[in-house]
Amino acid sequence: MVATKTKTKTTKWYVNIAIMFLLYFVISMIPPFSSITEMGMKVLALTIALLWGWITVDLLWPSIFGFILLQFTGYTTITEGLATGIGNSTVMMTLVLLAFAAALSLMGVSDIIAAWVISRKIFIGRPMLLVFGLLFGTVLVSAAGGGLAVIFLIWDLIRAISRANNIEEDDTLKGALMAMVLYCGFVGFILPW
């Protein structure tokens, strides 16, 4: 049986969150200089505080706190921020695509596709060719209009291939491959055809 890792909020977590808030409030109190306005200083303070939180804590909680702190900058209200953020068509499309990829994974479709892909003669004993095939396929399907869907589906395919080969969930190489898929997906977006 594999032991599961659970993240607990330690003293370090609370200290880094406190530093994040402190950075925001201290930097936002600095008088504007050059051509930066008062609101600009508050947004700059928020950006620096968020960078601190993302680097030292994680992505979720600092982002939530950052959204709350955005209300203090005068840039937007919480209602307008929610309407703009969650009501955005890109956000909605991404959520739907994530749900679709999760449904495929739960139904086992990803495992079937992964088994089929790794059983092809061309890929047996040639892992770099498999990686090239996944990345090149990502570029082609993204260029054909696959968009974010292809990235999410290839990520799920990589997870399924990793499970089939007993690769751990937090393997660095797997993370690097998923980052390359993201990059190739975006390259496919910008191809001029």
C-alpha atoms as a PDB file:
ATOM      1  CA  MET A   1       0.000   0.000   0.000  1.00  0.00           C
ATOM      2  CA  VAL A   2       1.308   3.424  -0.924  1.00  0.00           C
ATOM      3  CA  ALA A   3       1.303   6.023   1.827  1.00  0.00           C
ATOM      4  CA  THR A   4      -0.489   9.201   0.805  1.00  0.00           C
ATOM      5  CA  LYS A   5       1.046  12.586   1.350  1.00  0.00           C
ATOM      6  CA  THR A   6      -1.108  15.155   3.072  1.00  0.00           C
ATOM      7  CA  LYS A   7      -0.192  18.802   3.237  1.00  0.00           C
ATOM      8  CA  THR A   8      -0.755  20.278   6.649  1.00  0.00           C
ATOM      9  CA  LYS A   9      -0.613  23.933   7.393  1.00  0.00           C
ATOM     10  CA  THR A  10       2.518  24.410   9.439  1.00  0.00           C
ATOM     11  CA  THR A  11       3.862  27.457  11.201  1.00  0.00           C
ATOM     12  CA  LYS A  12       5.922  28.186   8.068  1.00  0.00           C
ATOM     13  CA  TRP A  13       2.686  28.366   6.017  1.00  0.00           C
ATOM     14  CA  TYR A  14       1.128  30.916   8.384  1.00  0.00           C
ATOM     15  CA  VAL A  15       4.347  32.963   8.564  1.00  0.00           C
ATOM     16  CA  ASN A  16       4.573  33.148   4.751  1.00  0.00           C
ATOM     17  CA  ILE A  17       0.904  34.150   4.468  1.00  0.00           C
ATOM     18  CA  ALA A  18       1.503  36.845   7.099  1.00  0.00           C
ATOM     19  CA  ILE A  19       4.561  38.065   5.158  1.00  0.00           C
ATOM     20  CA  MET A  20       2.414  38.168   2.016  1.00  0.00           C
ATOM     21  CA  PHE A  21      -0.184  40.411   3.700  1.00  0.00           C
ATOM     22  CA  LEU A  22       2.561  42.507   5.302  1.00  0.00           C
ATOM     23  CA  LEU A  23       4.231  43.024   1.918  1.00  0.00           C
ATOM     24  CA  TYR A  24       0.941  44.191   0.444  1.00  0.00           C
ATOM     25  CA  PHE A  25       0.105  46.655   3.191  1.00  0.00           C
ATOM     26  CA  VAL A  26       3.652  48.059   3.580  1.00  0.00           C
ATOM     27  CA  ILE A  27       4.325  48.504  -0.142  1.00  0.00           C
ATOM     28  CA  SER A  28       0.866  49.980  -0.780  1.00  0.00           C
ATOM     29  CA  MET A  29       1.600  52.662   1.862  1.00  0.00           C
ATOM     30  CA  ILE A  30       4.717  53.860   0.003  1.00  0.00           C
ATOM     31  CA  PRO A  31       3.948  57.182  -1.677  1.00  0.00           C
ATOM     32  CA  PRO A  32       3.646  57.005  -5.474  1.00  0.00           C
ATOM     33  CA  PHE A  33       6.773  57.883  -7.398  1.00  0.00           C
ATOM     34  CA  SER A  34       7.515  58.822 -10.986  1.00  0.00           C
ATOM     35  CA  SER A  35       4.422  58.196 -13.121  1.00  0.00           C
ATOM     36  CA  ILE A  36       2.903  55.478 -10.896  1.00  0.00           C
ATOM     37  CA  THR A  37      -0.451  56.451  -9.403  1.00  0.00           C
ATOM     38  CA  GLU A  38      -1.706  55.547  -5.937  1.00  0.00           C
ATOM     39  CA  MET A  39      -3.771  52.701  -7.408  1.00  0.00           C
ATOM     40  CA  GLY A  40      -0.714  51.604  -9.375  1.00  0.00           C
ATOM     41  CA  MET A  41       1.284  51.344  -6.137  1.00  0.00           C
ATOM     42  CA  LYS A  42      -1.442  49.197  -4.602  1.00  0.00           C
ATOM     43  CA  VAL A  43      -1.538  46.915  -7.650  1.00  0.00           C
ATOM     44  CA  LEU A  44       2.280  46.695  -7.605  1.00  0.00           C
ATOM     45  CA  ALA A  45       2.133  45.811  -3.900  1.00  0.00           C
ATOM     46  CA  LEU A  46      -0.429  43.111  -4.653  1.00  0.00           C
ATOM     47  CA  THR A  47       1.727  41.704  -7.450  1.00  0.00           C
ATOM     48  CA  ILE A  48       4.796  41.481  -5.203  1.00  0.00           C
ATOM     49  CA  ALA A  49       2.749  39.961  -2.375  1.00  0.00           C
ATOM     50  CA  LEU A  50       1.246  37.371  -4.728  1.00  0.00           C
ATOM     51  CA  LEU A  51       4.666  36.442  -6.088  1.00  0.00           C
ATOM     52  CA  TRP A  52       5.862  35.886  -2.521  1.00  0.00           C
ATOM     53  CA  GLY A  53       2.838  33.736  -1.737  1.00  0.00           C
ATOM     54  CA  TRP A  54       3.043  31.688  -4.927  1.00  0.00           C
ATOM     55  CA  ILE A  55       6.753  31.015  -4.422  1.00  0.00           C
ATOM     56  CA  THR A  56       6.663  30.191  -0.709  1.00  0.00           C
ATOM     57  CA  VAL A  57       3.184  28.770  -0.061  1.00  0.00           C
ATOM     58  CA  ASP A  58       1.278  27.370  -3.078  1.00  0.00           C
ATOM     59  CA  LEU A  59      -0.959  28.655  -5.846  1.00  0.00           C
ATOM     60  CA  LEU A  60      -4.441  28.276  -4.343  1.00  0.00           C
ATOM     61  CA  TRP A  61      -4.513  30.226  -1.089  1.00  0.00           C
ATOM     62  CA  PRO A  62      -2.373  33.184  -2.165  1.00  0.00           C
ATOM     63  CA  SER A  63      -4.560  33.509  -5.280  1.00  0.00           C
ATOM     64  CA  ILE A  64      -7.726  33.556  -3.168  1.00  0.00           C
ATOM     65  CA  PHE A  65      -6.201  36.072  -0.766  1.00  0.00           C
ATOM     66  CA  GLY A  66      -4.946  38.082  -3.748  1.00  0.00           C
ATOM     67  CA  PHE A  67      -8.458  38.243  -5.170  1.00  0.00           C
ATOM     68  CA  ILE A  68      -9.690  39.528  -1.822  1.00  0.00           C
ATOM     69  CA  LEU A  69      -6.838  42.058  -1.574  1.00  0.00           C
ATOM     70  CA  LEU A  70      -7.607  43.280  -5.102  1.00  0.00           C
ATOM     71  CA  GLN A  71     -10.738  44.864  -3.665  1.00  0.00           C
ATOM     72  CA  PHE A  72      -8.572  47.168  -1.495  1.00  0.00           C
ATOM     73  CA  THR A  73      -6.727  48.591  -4.508  1.00  0.00           C
ATOM     74  CA  GLY A  74      -9.753  50.465  -5.828  1.00  0.00           C
ATOM     75  CA  TYR A  75      -9.284  48.743  -9.193  1.00  0.00           C
ATOM     76  CA  THR A  76     -12.525  46.768  -8.933  1.00  0.00           C
ATOM     77  CA  THR A  77     -15.254  45.723  -6.529  1.00  0.00           C
ATOM     78  CA  ILE A  78     -15.780  42.142  -5.455  1.00  0.00           C
ATOM     79  CA  THR A  79     -18.954  41.846  -7.544  1.00  0.00           C
ATOM     80  CA  GLU A  80     -17.286  43.185 -10.688  1.00  0.00           C
ATOM     81  CA  GLY A  81     -14.220  41.024 -10.038  1.00  0.00           C
ATOM     82  CA  LEU A  82     -16.307  37.859  -9.712  1.00  0.00           C
ATOM     83  CA  ALA A  83     -18.358  38.716 -12.789  1.00  0.00           C
ATOM     84  CA  THR A  84     -15.238  39.439 -14.836  1.00  0.00           C
ATOM     85  CA  GLY A  85     -13.220  36.494 -13.546  1.00  0.00           C
ATOM     86  CA  ILE A  86     -15.672  33.630 -13.288  1.00  0.00           C
ATOM     87  CA  GLY A  87     -18.024  34.926 -15.974  1.00  0.00           C
ATOM     88  CA  ASN A  88     -15.217  35.045 -18.528  1.00  0.00           C
ATOM     89  CA  SER A  89     -15.826  32.665 -21.424  1.00  0.00           C
ATOM     90  CA  THR A  90     -12.250  31.344 -21.287  1.00  0.00           C
ATOM     91  CA  VAL A  91     -12.620  30.411 -17.619  1.00  0.00           C
ATOM     92  CA  MET A  92     -15.929  28.681 -18.305  1.00  0.00           C
ATOM     93  CA  MET A  93     -14.495  26.800 -21.291  1.00  0.00           C
ATOM     94  CA  THR A  94     -11.501  25.690 -19.219  1.00  0.00           C
ATOM     95  CA  LEU A  95     -13.752  24.385 -16.437  1.00  0.00           C
ATOM     96  CA  VAL A  96     -15.871  22.444 -18.924  1.00  0.00           C
ATOM     97  CA  LEU A  97     -12.764  20.952 -20.555  1.00  0.00           C
ATOM     98  CA  LEU A  98     -11.329  19.977 -17.173  1.00  0.00           C
ATOM     99  CA  ALA A  99     -14.617  18.260 -16.327  1.00  0.00           C
ATOM    100  CA  PHE A 100     -14.551  16.462 -19.699  1.00  0.00           C
ATOM    101  CA  ALA A 101     -10.961  15.259 -19.132  1.00  0.00           C
ATOM    102  CA  ALA A 102     -11.890  14.092 -15.619  1.00  0.00           C
ATOM    103  CA  ALA A 103     -14.907  12.211 -16.974  1.00  0.00           C
ATOM    104  CA  LEU A 104     -12.755  10.455 -19.572  1.00  0.00           C
ATOM    105  CA  SER A 105     -10.295   9.525 -16.850  1.00  0.00           C
ATOM    106  CA  LEU A 106     -13.017   8.184 -14.550  1.00  0.00           C
ATOM    107  CA  MET A 107     -14.488   6.088 -17.375  1.00  0.00           C
ATOM    108  CA  GLY A 108     -11.055   4.609 -18.072  1.00  0.00           C
ATOM    109  CA  VAL A 109     -10.836   5.957 -21.606  1.00  0.00           C
ATOM    110  CA  SER A 110      -7.411   7.461 -20.899  1.00  0.00           C
ATOM    111  CA  ASP A 111      -6.106   4.109 -19.690  1.00  0.00           C
ATOM    112  CA  ILE A 112      -7.353   2.388 -22.851  1.00  0.00           C
ATOM    113  CA  ILE A 113      -5.760   5.021 -25.101  1.00  0.00           C
ATOM    114  CA  ALA A 114      -2.523   4.897 -23.071  1.00  0.00           C
ATOM    115  CA  ALA A 115      -2.373   1.097 -23.357  1.00  0.00           C
ATOM    116  CA  TRP A 116      -2.957   1.326 -27.098  1.00  0.00           C
ATOM    117  CA  VAL A 117      -0.281   4.023 -27.569  1.00  0.00           C
ATOM    118  CA  ILE A 118       2.456   2.276 -25.589  1.00  0.00           C
ATOM    119  CA  SER A 119       1.718  -1.066 -27.258  1.00  0.00           C
ATOM    120  CA  ARG A 120       2.547   0.269 -30.745  1.00  0.00           C
ATOM    121  CA  LYS A 121       5.682  -1.342 -32.178  1.00  0.00           C
ATOM    122  CA  ILE A 122       7.199   2.007 -33.069  1.00  0.00           C
ATOM    123  CA  PHE A 123       7.237   3.108 -29.400  1.00  0.00           C
ATOM    124  CA  ILE A 124       8.332  -0.143 -27.733  1.00  0.00           C
ATOM    125  CA  GLY A 125      11.835   0.387 -26.363  1.00  0.00           C
ATOM    126  CA  ARG A 126      11.943   3.955 -27.701  1.00  0.00           C
ATOM    127  CA  PRO A 127      10.708   6.294 -24.945  1.00  0.00           C
ATOM    128  CA  MET A 128      12.110   9.418 -26.611  1.00  0.00           C
ATOM    129  CA  LEU A 129      10.154   8.646 -29.760  1.00  0.00           C
ATOM    130  CA  LEU A 130       7.020   8.328 -27.612  1.00  0.00           C
ATOM    131  CA  VAL A 131       7.744  11.719 -26.041  1.00  0.00           C
ATOM    132  CA  PHE A 132       8.337  13.254 -29.475  1.00  0.00           C
ATOM    133  CA  GLY A 133       5.101  11.699 -30.753  1.00  0.00           C
ATOM    134  CA  LEU A 134       3.091  13.107 -27.840  1.00  0.00           C
ATOM    135  CA  LEU A 135       4.602  16.572 -28.233  1.00  0.00           C
ATOM    136  CA  PHE A 136       4.295  16.673 -32.026  1.00  0.00           C
ATOM    137  CA  GLY A 137       0.715  15.401 -31.803  1.00  0.00           C
ATOM    138  CA  THR A 138      -0.066  18.130 -29.290  1.00  0.00           C
ATOM    139  CA  VAL A 139       1.238  20.817 -31.671  1.00  0.00           C
ATOM    140  CA  LEU A 140      -0.726  19.414 -34.623  1.00  0.00           C
ATOM    141  CA  VAL A 141      -4.041  19.023 -32.822  1.00  0.00           C
ATOM    142  CA  SER A 142      -3.684  22.447 -31.152  1.00  0.00           C
ATOM    143  CA  ALA A 143      -2.967  24.015 -34.541  1.00  0.00           C
ATOM    144  CA  ALA A 144      -6.069  22.330 -35.938  1.00  0.00           C
ATOM    145  CA  GLY A 145      -8.194  24.050 -33.304  1.00  0.00           C
ATOM    146  CA  GLY A 146      -7.913  21.625 -30.395  1.00  0.00           C
ATOM    147  CA  GLY A 147      -7.141  24.438 -28.009  1.00  0.00           C
ATOM    148  CA  LEU A 148      -6.953  23.755 -24.308  1.00  0.00           C
ATOM    149  CA  ALA A 149      -8.801  20.472 -24.730  1.00  0.00           C
ATOM    150  CA  VAL A 150      -5.803  18.774 -26.307  1.00  0.00           C
ATOM    151  CA  ILE A 151      -3.527  19.933 -23.481  1.00  0.00           C
ATOM    152  CA  PHE A 152      -5.847  18.546 -20.807  1.00  0.00           C
ATOM    153  CA  LEU A 153      -6.362  15.290 -22.680  1.00  0.00           C
ATOM    154  CA  ILE A 154      -2.632  14.756 -23.312  1.00  0.00           C
ATOM    155  CA  TRP A 155      -1.951  15.499 -19.640  1.00  0.00           C
ATOM    156  CA  ASP A 156      -4.434  12.804 -18.693  1.00  0.00           C
ATOM    157  CA  LEU A 157      -2.832  10.463 -21.217  1.00  0.00           C
ATOM    158  CA  ILE A 158       0.588  11.110 -19.633  1.00  0.00           C
ATOM    159  CA  ARG A 159      -0.857  10.306 -16.203  1.00  0.00           C
ATOM    160  CA  ALA A 160      -2.297   7.066 -17.545  1.00  0.00           C
ATOM    161  CA  ILE A 161       0.999   6.096 -19.222  1.00  0.00           C
ATOM    162  CA  SER A 162       2.779   6.879 -15.949  1.00  0.00           C
ATOM    163  CA  ARG A 163       0.384   4.679 -13.981  1.00  0.00           C
ATOM    164  CA  ALA A 164       0.856   1.852 -16.486  1.00  0.00           C
ATOM    165  CA  ASN A 165       4.641   2.101 -16.028  1.00  0.00           C
ATOM    166  CA  ASN A 166       4.555   2.511 -12.222  1.00  0.00           C
ATOM    167  CA  ILE A 167       5.911   6.057 -12.321  1.00  0.00           C
ATOM    168  CA  GLU A 168       5.186   7.976  -9.134  1.00  0.00           C
ATOM    169  CA  GLU A 169       2.627  10.782  -9.161  1.00  0.00           C
ATOM    170  CA  ASP A 170       5.122  13.501  -8.203  1.00  0.00           C
ATOM    171  CA  ASP A 171       7.929  12.416 -10.531  1.00  0.00           C
ATOM    172  CA  THR A 172       9.965  15.370 -11.804  1.00  0.00           C
ATOM    173  CA  LEU A 173      10.322  13.967 -15.312  1.00  0.00           C
ATOM    174  CA  LYS A 174       6.568  13.557 -15.597  1.00  0.00           C
ATOM    175  CA  GLY A 175       6.101  17.181 -14.511  1.00  0.00           C
ATOM    176  CA  ALA A 176       8.638  18.320 -17.105  1.00  0.00           C
ATOM    177  CA  LEU A 177       6.830  16.355 -19.819  1.00  0.00           C
ATOM    178  CA  MET A 178       3.521  17.948 -18.828  1.00  0.00           C
ATOM    179  CA  ALA A 179       5.160  21.394 -18.997  1.00  0.00           C
ATOM    180  CA  MET A 180       6.468  20.559 -22.485  1.00  0.00           C
ATOM    181  CA  VAL A 181       2.945  19.539 -23.533  1.00  0.00           C
ATOM    182  CA  LEU A 182       1.663  22.894 -22.298  1.00  0.00           C
ATOM    183  CA  TYR A 183       4.372  24.684 -24.281  1.00  0.00           C
ATOM    184  CA  CYS A 184       3.682  22.652 -27.428  1.00  0.00           C
ATOM    185  CA  GLY A 185      -0.040  23.287 -27.061  1.00  0.00           C
ATOM    186  CA  PHE A 186       0.583  27.027 -27.002  1.00  0.00           C
ATOM    187  CA  VAL A 187       2.953  26.765 -29.969  1.00  0.00           C
ATOM    188  CA  GLY A 188       0.109  25.078 -31.832  1.00  0.00           C
ATOM    189  CA  PHE A 189      -2.199  27.983 -30.928  1.00  0.00           C
ATOM    190  CA  ILE A 190       0.061  30.532 -32.588  1.00  0.00           C
ATOM    191  CA  LEU A 191       0.894  28.736 -35.814  1.00  0.00           C
ATOM    192  CA  PRO A 192      -0.173  31.028 -38.660  1.00  0.00           C
ATOM    193  CA  TRP A 193      -2.648  28.852 -40.569  1.00  0.00           C
END
